[in-house]
Protein backbone atom coordinates (compact mmCIF):
# COMPACT_ATOMS: atom_id res chain seq x y z
CA MET A 1 0.00 -0.45 -0.10
CA LYS A 2 2.60 2.38 0.96
CA ALA A 3 4.10 1.43 -2.55
CA ASN A 4 1.48 2.31 -4.03
CA ASN A 5 0.86 5.53 -2.83
CA GLU A 6 4.66 6.60 -3.39
CA VAL A 7 4.42 5.87 -6.85
CA LEU A 8 1.00 7.55 -7.05
CA ASN A 9 2.96 10.46 -5.32
CA GLY A 10 5.54 10.10 -7.64
CA SER A 11 3.25 10.05 -10.79
CA LYS A 12 1.45 13.23 -9.40
CA GLY A 13 4.79 15.00 -9.45
CA ASN A 14 5.86 14.11 -12.75
CA LEU A 15 2.56 15.33 -14.25
CA LEU A 16 2.68 18.52 -12.39
CA GLN A 17 6.46 19.09 -13.34
CA THR A 18 5.37 18.30 -17.01
CA ILE A 19 2.60 20.75 -16.90
CA THR A 20 4.80 23.24 -15.45
CA GLN A 21 7.15 23.31 -17.92
CA LYS A 22 5.03 23.01 -20.81
CA LEU A 23 2.73 25.73 -19.47
CA GLY A 24 5.02 27.79 -17.08
CA PRO A 25 6.12 30.38 -19.96
CA PHE A 26 2.25 31.12 -20.85
CA LEU A 27 1.25 31.45 -17.15
CA GLY A 28 4.18 33.64 -16.45
CA LEU A 29 3.20 35.78 -19.61
CA LEU A 30 -0.77 35.76 -18.25
CA ILE A 31 0.56 36.88 -15.11
CA LEU A 32 2.97 39.56 -15.95
CA VAL A 33 -0.18 40.80 -18.38
CA ILE A 34 -2.54 40.98 -15.53
CA PHE A 35 -0.42 42.73 -13.44
CA VAL A 36 0.55 45.23 -15.63
CA SER A 37 -2.85 45.81 -16.39
CA ILE A 38 -3.90 46.51 -13.12
CA MET A 39 -1.11 48.77 -12.58
CA ASN A 40 -1.94 50.31 -16.02
CA PRO A 41 -5.07 50.14 -17.51
CA SER A 42 -3.90 51.79 -20.65
CA PHE A 43 -1.74 48.65 -21.42
CA LEU A 44 -5.12 46.82 -22.84
CA GLU A 45 -6.12 49.70 -25.17
CA PRO A 46 -6.17 48.42 -28.88
CA LEU A 47 -3.88 51.24 -29.97
CA ASN A 48 -0.95 49.84 -27.20
CA ILE A 49 -1.61 46.47 -28.17
CA LEU A 50 -0.82 46.98 -31.70
CA ASN A 51 2.22 49.04 -31.07
CA LEU A 52 3.38 46.02 -28.63
CA LEU A 53 2.96 43.55 -31.59
CA ARG A 54 4.76 46.13 -34.02
CA GLN A 55 7.86 46.38 -31.24
CA VAL A 56 8.32 42.86 -30.48
CA SER A 57 8.32 41.58 -33.99
CA ILE A 58 11.74 42.18 -34.79
CA ASN A 59 13.08 40.47 -31.43
CA ALA A 60 10.55 37.66 -32.93
CA LEU A 61 12.13 37.19 -36.00
CA ILE A 62 15.68 37.32 -34.37
CA ALA A 63 14.82 34.94 -31.71
CA PHE A 64 12.84 32.36 -34.27
CA GLY A 65 16.37 31.76 -36.07
CA MET A 66 18.06 31.67 -32.87
CA THR A 67 15.73 28.87 -31.41
CA PHE A 68 16.76 26.63 -34.24
CA VAL A 69 20.77 27.59 -33.30
CA ILE A 70 20.46 26.49 -29.25
CA LEU A 71 18.26 23.32 -30.46
CA THR A 72 21.29 22.41 -31.95
CA GLY A 73 23.41 23.48 -28.96
CA GLY A 74 24.90 26.36 -30.21
CA ILE A 75 24.65 30.27 -30.23
CA ASP A 76 24.37 32.96 -32.27
CA LEU A 77 26.16 36.17 -30.82
CA SER A 78 26.31 37.75 -34.66
CA VAL A 79 22.77 38.29 -35.21
CA GLY A 80 22.91 42.12 -34.33
CA ALA A 81 25.57 42.63 -36.06
CA ILE A 82 24.45 40.84 -39.30
CA LEU A 83 21.20 42.93 -38.68
CA ALA A 84 22.88 46.41 -39.33
CA LEU A 85 25.79 45.14 -41.73
CA SER A 86 22.63 44.09 -44.08
CA SER A 87 20.30 47.01 -43.34
CA ALA A 88 23.55 49.27 -44.17
CA LEU A 89 23.63 47.07 -47.63
CA THR A 90 20.02 47.28 -48.17
CA ALA A 91 19.69 51.15 -47.62
CA GLY A 92 22.89 51.57 -49.92
CA MET A 93 21.11 49.67 -52.73
CA ILE A 94 18.22 51.74 -52.32
CA VAL A 95 20.06 54.88 -52.36
CA SER A 96 21.81 53.75 -55.69
CA GLY A 97 18.33 53.17 -57.26
CA ILE A 98 17.53 49.63 -57.00
CA ASP A 99 14.15 48.63 -56.28
CA PRO A 100 13.44 49.03 -52.52
CA MET A 101 11.69 45.90 -52.05
CA LEU A 102 14.47 43.76 -54.24
CA ALA A 103 17.11 45.50 -52.18
CA ILE A 104 15.18 43.88 -49.18
CA LEU A 105 15.40 40.50 -50.76
CA ILE A 106 18.94 40.85 -51.77
CA GLY A 107 19.54 42.25 -48.05
CA ALA A 108 17.98 39.00 -46.77
CA LEU A 109 19.97 36.59 -48.73
CA LEU A 110 23.01 38.36 -47.88
CA GLY A 111 22.28 37.90 -44.35
CA ALA A 112 21.92 34.26 -45.19
CA ILE A 113 25.39 34.17 -46.38
CA PHE A 114 26.56 35.96 -43.43
CA GLY A 115 24.80 33.33 -41.44
CA ALA A 116 26.57 30.53 -43.62
CA VAL A 117 29.96 32.17 -42.76
CA ASN A 118 29.02 31.38 -38.73
CA GLY A 119 28.43 27.52 -40.18
CA LEU A 120 31.17 27.05 -41.95
CA LEU A 121 33.54 28.26 -39.37
CA ILE A 122 31.84 25.84 -36.99
CA THR A 123 31.30 22.77 -38.95
CA LYS A 124 34.59 23.10 -41.20
CA GLY A 125 36.49 25.41 -38.98
CA LYS A 126 36.02 23.44 -35.86
CA MET A 127 35.22 26.72 -33.85
CA ALA A 128 33.15 26.92 -30.97
CA PRO A 129 29.93 28.52 -31.68
CA PHE A 130 30.38 30.92 -28.92
CA ILE A 131 33.62 31.77 -30.29
CA ALA A 132 33.04 31.69 -33.77
CA THR A 133 29.94 34.12 -33.62
CA LEU A 134 31.96 36.34 -31.08
CA ALA A 135 34.68 36.59 -33.81
CA THR A 136 32.03 37.34 -36.79
CA MET A 137 29.99 39.58 -34.62
CA THR A 138 33.08 42.06 -34.26
CA LEU A 139 33.94 41.35 -38.16
CA PHE A 140 30.58 42.55 -39.20
CA ARG A 141 30.10 45.10 -36.86
CA GLY A 142 33.23 46.70 -37.84
CA LEU A 143 32.48 46.16 -41.40
CA THR A 144 29.24 47.64 -41.33
CA LEU A 145 30.77 50.79 -39.63
CA VAL A 146 33.65 51.10 -42.63
CA TYR A 147 30.71 50.50 -45.35
CA THR A 148 28.84 53.61 -43.83
CA GLU A 149 31.87 55.36 -42.49
CA GLY A 150 30.10 55.31 -39.27
CA ASN A 151 27.04 57.84 -40.54
CA PRO A 152 23.25 56.87 -40.97
CA ILE A 153 22.41 56.07 -44.55
CA THR A 154 19.17 58.22 -45.15
CA GLY A 155 17.41 59.36 -48.41
CA LEU A 156 15.63 56.14 -49.02
CA GLY A 157 12.70 57.81 -50.92
CA ASP A 158 9.15 57.42 -50.43
CA ASN A 159 8.70 53.77 -51.87
CA ILE A 160 5.09 53.05 -50.60
CA LEU A 161 5.63 49.14 -50.28
CA PHE A 162 9.00 50.25 -48.60
CA GLN A 163 6.99 52.31 -45.74
CA LEU A 164 4.22 49.71 -45.38
CA PHE A 165 6.98 46.73 -44.99
CA GLY A 166 7.53 48.46 -41.52
CA ARG A 167 5.36 51.09 -40.98
CA GLY A 168 2.06 50.14 -42.56
CA TYR A 169 -1.30 48.09 -41.82
CA PHE A 170 -2.88 44.88 -43.16
CA LEU A 171 -6.48 44.32 -42.06
CA GLY A 172 -6.06 46.75 -38.93
CA ILE A 173 -2.67 44.84 -38.03
CA PRO A 174 0.68 46.21 -38.63
CA VAL A 175 2.24 44.54 -41.28
CA PRO A 176 5.56 43.68 -39.22
CA ALA A 177 3.48 41.56 -36.96
CA VAL A 178 1.71 39.92 -40.09
CA THR A 179 5.15 39.45 -41.06
CA MET A 180 6.35 37.77 -37.76
CA ILE A 181 2.79 35.58 -37.43
CA VAL A 182 3.14 34.20 -41.33
CA THR A 183 6.81 33.43 -40.21
CA PHE A 184 6.20 31.76 -37.04
CA VAL A 185 3.64 29.22 -38.73
CA VAL A 186 6.46 28.86 -41.37
CA LEU A 187 8.88 27.89 -39.16
CA TYR A 188 6.64 26.17 -36.76
CA ILE A 189 5.67 23.74 -39.65
CA LEU A 190 9.73 23.23 -40.42
CA LEU A 191 10.52 22.77 -37.01
CA HIS A 192 7.65 20.42 -35.50
CA LYS A 193 6.75 18.69 -39.14
CA THR A 194 9.52 18.01 -41.01
CA PRO A 195 12.83 15.69 -41.44
CA PHE A 196 14.59 18.95 -41.20
CA GLY A 197 13.09 19.58 -37.64
CA ARG A 198 13.73 16.17 -36.45
CA LYS A 199 17.38 16.50 -37.48
CA THR A 200 17.66 19.52 -35.42
CA TYR A 201 16.63 17.95 -32.50
CA ALA A 202 18.46 14.97 -32.88
CA ILE A 203 21.97 17.01 -33.41
CA GLY A 204 21.12 18.98 -30.14
CA GLY A 205 20.07 15.61 -28.13
CA ASN A 206 23.20 13.83 -29.06
CA GLU A 207 25.30 15.06 -32.09
CA LYS A 208 27.55 11.74 -32.21
CA ALA A 209 24.16 9.74 -32.70
CA ALA A 210 22.92 12.03 -35.07
CA LEU A 211 26.13 11.36 -37.44
CA ILE A 212 25.93 7.77 -36.85
CA SER A 213 22.55 7.39 -37.74
CA GLY A 214 23.37 8.96 -40.93
CA ILE A 215 22.50 12.60 -40.32
CA LYS A 216 24.64 15.11 -42.58
CA VAL A 217 25.55 17.23 -39.22
CA PRO A 218 27.31 19.91 -41.10
CA ARG A 219 25.11 20.40 -43.22
CA VAL A 220 21.94 20.90 -41.34
CA LYS A 221 24.17 22.91 -39.22
CA VAL A 222 25.34 25.50 -42.03
CA LEU A 223 21.67 25.65 -42.67
CA ILE A 224 20.21 26.73 -39.77
CA TYR A 225 23.32 29.50 -39.12
CA SER A 226 21.81 30.66 -42.82
CA LEU A 227 18.32 30.67 -41.39
CA SER A 228 19.34 32.72 -38.41
CA GLY A 229 21.18 35.14 -40.38
CA PHE A 230 18.26 35.23 -43.12
CA LEU A 231 16.02 35.92 -40.13
CA ALA A 232 18.27 38.62 -38.52
CA ALA A 233 18.34 40.60 -41.94
CA LEU A 234 14.69 40.31 -42.37
CA ALA A 235 14.34 41.87 -39.07
CA GLY A 236 16.56 44.58 -40.47
CA ALA A 237 14.84 45.50 -43.15
CA ILE A 238 11.70 46.25 -41.05
CA LEU A 239 14.00 48.27 -38.76
CA THR A 240 15.09 50.16 -41.54
CA SER A 241 11.42 50.78 -42.83
CA ARG A 242 10.61 51.89 -39.37
CA LEU A 243 13.17 54.17 -39.24
CA ASN A 244 13.48 55.07 -42.89
CA SER A 245 17.49 55.05 -42.76
CA ALA A 246 19.97 52.47 -41.72
CA GLN A 247 21.62 53.27 -38.63
CA PRO A 248 25.38 51.68 -38.09
CA THR A 249 25.09 51.07 -34.48
CA ALA A 250 21.90 49.11 -35.20
CA GLY A 251 21.01 45.62 -33.60
CA GLU A 252 23.32 46.50 -30.54
CA SER A 253 22.50 44.03 -27.93
CA TYR A 254 19.70 42.68 -30.01
CA GLU A 255 21.30 39.04 -29.59
CA LEU A 256 20.88 39.14 -26.17
CA ASP A 257 17.03 40.05 -26.47
CA ALA A 258 16.53 36.85 -29.08
CA ILE A 259 18.34 34.69 -26.33
CA ALA A 260 16.69 35.99 -23.48
CA ALA A 261 13.46 35.13 -25.25
CA VAL A 262 14.45 31.80 -26.24
CA VAL A 263 15.43 30.71 -23.12
CA LEU A 264 12.30 32.56 -21.38
CA GLY A 265 10.30 29.87 -23.67
CA GLY A 266 11.67 26.92 -22.31
CA THR A 267 14.56 26.09 -24.80
CA SER A 268 17.17 24.51 -23.22
CA LEU A 269 20.66 26.04 -23.60
CA SER A 270 22.23 22.50 -23.98
CA GLY A 271 20.09 21.72 -26.86
CA GLY A 272 17.61 19.09 -28.01
CA LYS A 273 14.69 20.59 -26.18
CA GLY A 274 12.16 23.27 -26.85
CA ARG A 275 9.55 24.59 -29.18
CA ILE A 276 9.21 27.71 -31.48
CA PHE A 277 5.55 28.24 -29.42
CA GLY A 278 7.68 28.63 -26.55
CA THR A 279 10.07 31.42 -27.98
CA MET A 280 7.04 33.33 -29.23
CA ILE A 281 5.87 33.48 -25.45
CA GLY A 282 8.96 34.53 -24.33
CA VAL A 283 9.33 37.14 -26.90
CA LEU A 284 5.81 38.54 -25.49
CA ILE A 285 7.11 38.25 -21.95
CA ILE A 286 10.11 40.48 -22.97
CA GLY A 287 7.76 43.06 -25.02
CA VAL A 288 5.12 42.99 -22.01
CA LEU A 289 7.86 43.80 -19.91
CA ASN A 290 9.37 46.56 -21.71
CA ASN A 291 6.17 48.16 -22.65
CA GLY A 292 4.83 47.66 -19.04
CA LEU A 293 7.56 49.73 -17.66
CA ASN A 294 7.62 52.54 -20.10
CA LEU A 295 3.94 52.60 -18.96
CA LEU A 296 4.59 52.80 -15.81
CA GLY A 297 7.30 55.35 -16.38
CA VAL A 298 10.42 53.53 -14.83
CA SER A 299 13.69 54.65 -15.86
CA SER A 300 15.26 52.85 -18.64
CA PHE A 301 18.16 52.06 -16.70
CA TYR A 302 16.10 50.26 -14.06
CA GLN A 303 14.22 48.81 -16.89
CA GLN A 304 17.93 46.89 -17.65
CA VAL A 305 18.20 46.06 -13.95
CA VAL A 306 14.87 44.50 -13.95
CA LYS A 307 15.51 42.52 -17.63
CA GLY A 308 18.56 41.16 -16.47
CA ILE A 309 16.91 39.94 -13.13
CA VAL A 310 14.45 38.11 -15.57
CA ILE A 311 17.29 36.54 -17.85
CA ILE A 312 19.05 35.16 -14.50
CA ILE A 313 15.80 33.88 -13.44
CA ALA A 314 15.41 31.99 -16.58
CA VAL A 315 18.85 30.74 -17.02
CA LEU A 316 18.90 29.19 -13.51
CA LEU A 317 15.38 27.41 -14.09
CA ASP A 318 17.21 26.04 -17.31
CA ARG A 319 20.16 24.48 -15.30
CA LYS A 320 17.30 23.03 -12.96
CA LYS A 321 15.31 21.36 -15.42
CA SER A 322 18.54 20.01 -16.96
CA ALA A 323 20.17 18.89 -13.70
C-alpha cells in the first residue's frame, strides 16, 4: 500500500512538473499581463496592443532563428551585427536606385550568406559556436562601420511598399506583426512537421548519435545558421523601413534579447529541448515587460536591471530542468 502511494505521488509529481514545464512560460506571460494591466489599465487599449506587436516583431524574427541554433546546442552572437550590416547594404542599394523590395530580398539573402559563414567556421573550422559568432560579430560590426563611415544612410525615398513593410497596416494589423505571424507559422511547420526539424532536435540531443544515424550534421548546421542570418536581415529590413534610414549601430544587444526570449520560452541552452511556440511566448514576455515598464514611467536604467534579473531567473530555471 505504501509503495502504491509512493508511485501515485511520484506520478502526480511528474505530471505537475510536465505541466509546469510546458505551461510555465504561458502562465508567466499571463501573470505579467494581469499585473501590468492592474498597474496601468491603458496597457490593454487596442492601440497599445498593436504598438506592442509591432515592437516585438523584430526580436521575434531574430529569436525564431536563434531557437533553431540553440536547439542544436549552439549560440549565435552575431545576429545583431548581421542585422546592422545587411540593413546598411540594403539602404545603400536603395539609395543607388535599386527597387526597395528587390533590395530587401538581396539584403536578406546576404544575411543568409553571413549566417552560412558562421556555420562553416563552426563545422569546417571546428570552432566553438560562442567563439566563432563572437568573432564574426566583431567582423560584421566593423564592416558596417567601414561601409557607412559611421554615419546613418538616409534618403531612402518614398516607395509605398517599402514604407508599408515597416510602418504600414494590413487589415488593421501592423505589417511587421503580420510578417512575424506568417514566419512563425512557416517555421513551426519546418521545426515540428518536417525531417529537417527532427534532424535539428537529433543534433541537439546527441550529435554523435545523429552522425552515426546518417544525418549530415555539418550541412544541417550551416543551413540553420544561414536561417538565423536570413531572419536577422529580414528584421533589419523592418527596422530600416520603420526609421527610413540605416543606422551603423543598429542591432546592438539584440542577440541578448533573442537569447533571453528563447530561454524564457523553455528551450534548453544545452540543446535538444524546446519549441518555437515557447519562443513566441518568451518574445511576448520581454515585449510586455518593456512596454509595461515604459507605461509605468520606469527609468530605462532600471529597465535594464529588471531585464537582467528576469534573464538570470530564466537561466537558473533552465539549469534546474537540465540537472
